[in-house]
Amino acid sequence: MNKEVNNKELTIEEANARLKSLLAKLEDKTIPLNEAMEIYKEAAISLEECYKALDKAQGEMIDINEQIELLRAQRGEL
């Protein structure tokens, strides 16, 4: 299994590129089953990294929006 995926948090762009690369490899019908299973496992990890990055970005956006609403409320702009 790819140690790079496990040892660092990938950006959404890196995880997405990795996932696309792995999926392209899985389309090769000539690879042995055991190799395909390893690629599939790596793809699942990359997909999880994509979801983590999206969840993190969503949380940050929620925090930013809350800060904006607080500022607007303080200024009486609501």
C-alpha atoms as a PDB file:
ATOM      1  CA  MET A   1       0.000   0.000   0.000  1.00  0.00           C
ATOM      2  CA  ASN A   2       1.224   3.516  -0.750  1.00  0.00           C
ATOM      3  CA  LYS A   3       2.916   4.904   2.359  1.00  0.00           C
ATOM      4  CA  GLU A   4       2.593   8.500   1.088  1.00  0.00           C
ATOM      5  CA  VAL A   5      -1.180   8.304   1.329  1.00  0.00           C
ATOM      6  CA  ASN A   6      -1.007   7.058   4.918  1.00  0.00           C
ATOM      7  CA  ASN A   7       1.749   9.370   6.193  1.00  0.00           C
ATOM      8  CA  LYS A   8       0.520  12.808   5.155  1.00  0.00           C
ATOM      9  CA  GLU A   9      -2.750  14.553   4.689  1.00  0.00           C
ATOM     10  CA  LEU A  10      -3.244  15.156   0.994  1.00  0.00           C
ATOM     11  CA  THR A  11      -4.890  18.202  -0.498  1.00  0.00           C
ATOM     12  CA  ILE A  12      -8.187  17.633  -2.264  1.00  0.00           C
ATOM     13  CA  GLU A  13      -6.397  18.124  -5.584  1.00  0.00           C
ATOM     14  CA  GLU A  14      -3.698  15.576  -4.729  1.00  0.00           C
ATOM     15  CA  ALA A  15      -6.195  13.023  -3.454  1.00  0.00           C
ATOM     16  CA  ASN A  16      -8.441  13.503  -6.472  1.00  0.00           C
ATOM     17  CA  ALA A  17      -5.520  13.125  -8.897  1.00  0.00           C
ATOM     18  CA  ARG A  18      -4.371  10.005  -7.038  1.00  0.00           C
ATOM     19  CA  LEU A  19      -7.871   8.556  -7.140  1.00  0.00           C
ATOM     20  CA  LYS A  20      -8.196   9.196 -10.886  1.00  0.00           C
ATOM     21  CA  SER A  21      -4.813   7.589 -11.500  1.00  0.00           C
ATOM     22  CA  LEU A  22      -5.750   4.505  -9.496  1.00  0.00           C
ATOM     23  CA  LEU A  23      -9.114   4.184 -11.213  1.00  0.00           C
ATOM     24  CA  ALA A  24      -7.390   4.371 -14.596  1.00  0.00           C
ATOM     25  CA  LYS A  25      -5.117   1.510 -13.511  1.00  0.00           C
ATOM     26  CA  LEU A  26      -8.143  -0.539 -12.488  1.00  0.00           C
ATOM     27  CA  GLU A  27      -9.528  -0.207 -16.019  1.00  0.00           C
ATOM     28  CA  ASP A  28      -6.609  -2.315 -17.265  1.00  0.00           C
ATOM     29  CA  LYS A  29      -8.186  -5.744 -17.574  1.00  0.00           C
ATOM     30  CA  THR A  30      -4.795  -7.471 -17.777  1.00  0.00           C
ATOM     31  CA  ILE A  31      -3.601  -6.758 -14.223  1.00  0.00           C
ATOM     32  CA  PRO A  32      -3.638  -9.691 -11.822  1.00  0.00           C
ATOM     33  CA  LEU A  33      -6.429  -9.847  -9.256  1.00  0.00           C
ATOM     34  CA  ASN A  34      -4.134  -9.399  -6.250  1.00  0.00           C
ATOM     35  CA  GLU A  35      -2.649  -6.239  -7.803  1.00  0.00           C
ATOM     36  CA  ALA A  36      -6.136  -4.967  -8.629  1.00  0.00           C
ATOM     37  CA  MET A  37      -7.166  -5.516  -5.010  1.00  0.00           C
ATOM     38  CA  GLU A  38      -4.191  -3.472  -3.751  1.00  0.00           C
ATOM     39  CA  ILE A  39      -5.026  -0.684  -6.185  1.00  0.00           C
ATOM     40  CA  TYR A  40      -8.655  -0.833  -5.050  1.00  0.00           C
ATOM     41  CA  LYS A  41      -7.547  -0.474  -1.407  1.00  0.00           C
ATOM     42  CA  GLU A  42      -5.407   2.540  -2.293  1.00  0.00           C
ATOM     43  CA  ALA A  43      -8.329   4.045  -4.202  1.00  0.00           C
ATOM     44  CA  ALA A  44     -10.556   3.660  -1.140  1.00  0.00           C
ATOM     45  CA  ILE A  45      -7.952   5.489   0.956  1.00  0.00           C
ATOM     46  CA  SER A  46      -7.700   8.262  -1.638  1.00  0.00           C
ATOM     47  CA  LEU A  47     -11.480   8.588  -1.694  1.00  0.00           C
ATOM     48  CA  GLU A  48     -11.477   8.891   2.089  1.00  0.00           C
ATOM     49  CA  GLU A  49      -8.850  11.640   1.807  1.00  0.00           C
ATOM     50  CA  CYS A  50     -11.100  13.468  -0.678  1.00  0.00           C
ATOM     51  CA  TYR A  51     -14.023  13.284   1.746  1.00  0.00           C
ATOM     52  CA  LYS A  52     -11.838  14.467   4.637  1.00  0.00           C
ATOM     53  CA  ALA A  53     -10.594  17.447   2.650  1.00  0.00           C
ATOM     54  CA  LEU A  54     -14.139  18.350   1.598  1.00  0.00           C
ATOM     55  CA  ASP A  55     -15.421  18.034   5.168  1.00  0.00           C
ATOM     56  CA  LYS A  56     -12.581  20.225   6.406  1.00  0.00           C
ATOM     57  CA  ALA A  57     -13.285  22.870   3.763  1.00  0.00           C
ATOM     58  CA  GLN A  58     -16.992  22.795   4.569  1.00  0.00           C
ATOM     59  CA  GLY A  59     -16.266  23.279   8.269  1.00  0.00           C
ATOM     60  CA  GLU A  60     -13.992  26.209   7.493  1.00  0.00           C
ATOM     61  CA  MET A  61     -16.666  27.786   5.288  1.00  0.00           C
ATOM     62  CA  ILE A  62     -19.226  27.433   8.068  1.00  0.00           C
ATOM     63  CA  ASP A  63     -16.821  29.092  10.515  1.00  0.00           C
ATOM     64  CA  ILE A  64     -16.152  31.951   8.090  1.00  0.00           C
ATOM     65  CA  ASN A  65     -19.864  32.478   7.473  1.00  0.00           C
ATOM     66  CA  GLU A  66     -20.524  32.551  11.213  1.00  0.00           C
ATOM     67  CA  GLN A  67     -17.809  35.186  11.633  1.00  0.00           C
ATOM     68  CA  ILE A  68     -19.325  37.265   8.830  1.00  0.00           C
ATOM     69  CA  GLU A  69     -22.769  37.046  10.398  1.00  0.00           C
ATOM     70  CA  LEU A  70     -21.355  38.115  13.767  1.00  0.00           C
ATOM     71  CA  LEU A  71     -19.647  41.106  12.182  1.00  0.00           C
ATOM     72  CA  ARG A  72     -22.792  42.077  10.314  1.00  0.00           C
ATOM     73  CA  ALA A  73     -24.868  41.755  13.484  1.00  0.00           C
ATOM     74  CA  GLN A  74     -22.405  43.940  15.394  1.00  0.00           C
ATOM     75  CA  ARG A  75     -22.671  46.581  12.691  1.00  0.00           C
ATOM     76  CA  GLY A  76     -26.469  46.339  12.640  1.00  0.00           C
ATOM     77  CA  GLU A  77     -26.477  45.165   9.030  1.00  0.00           C
ATOM     78  CA  LEU A  78     -28.875  42.290   9.512  1.00  0.00           C
END
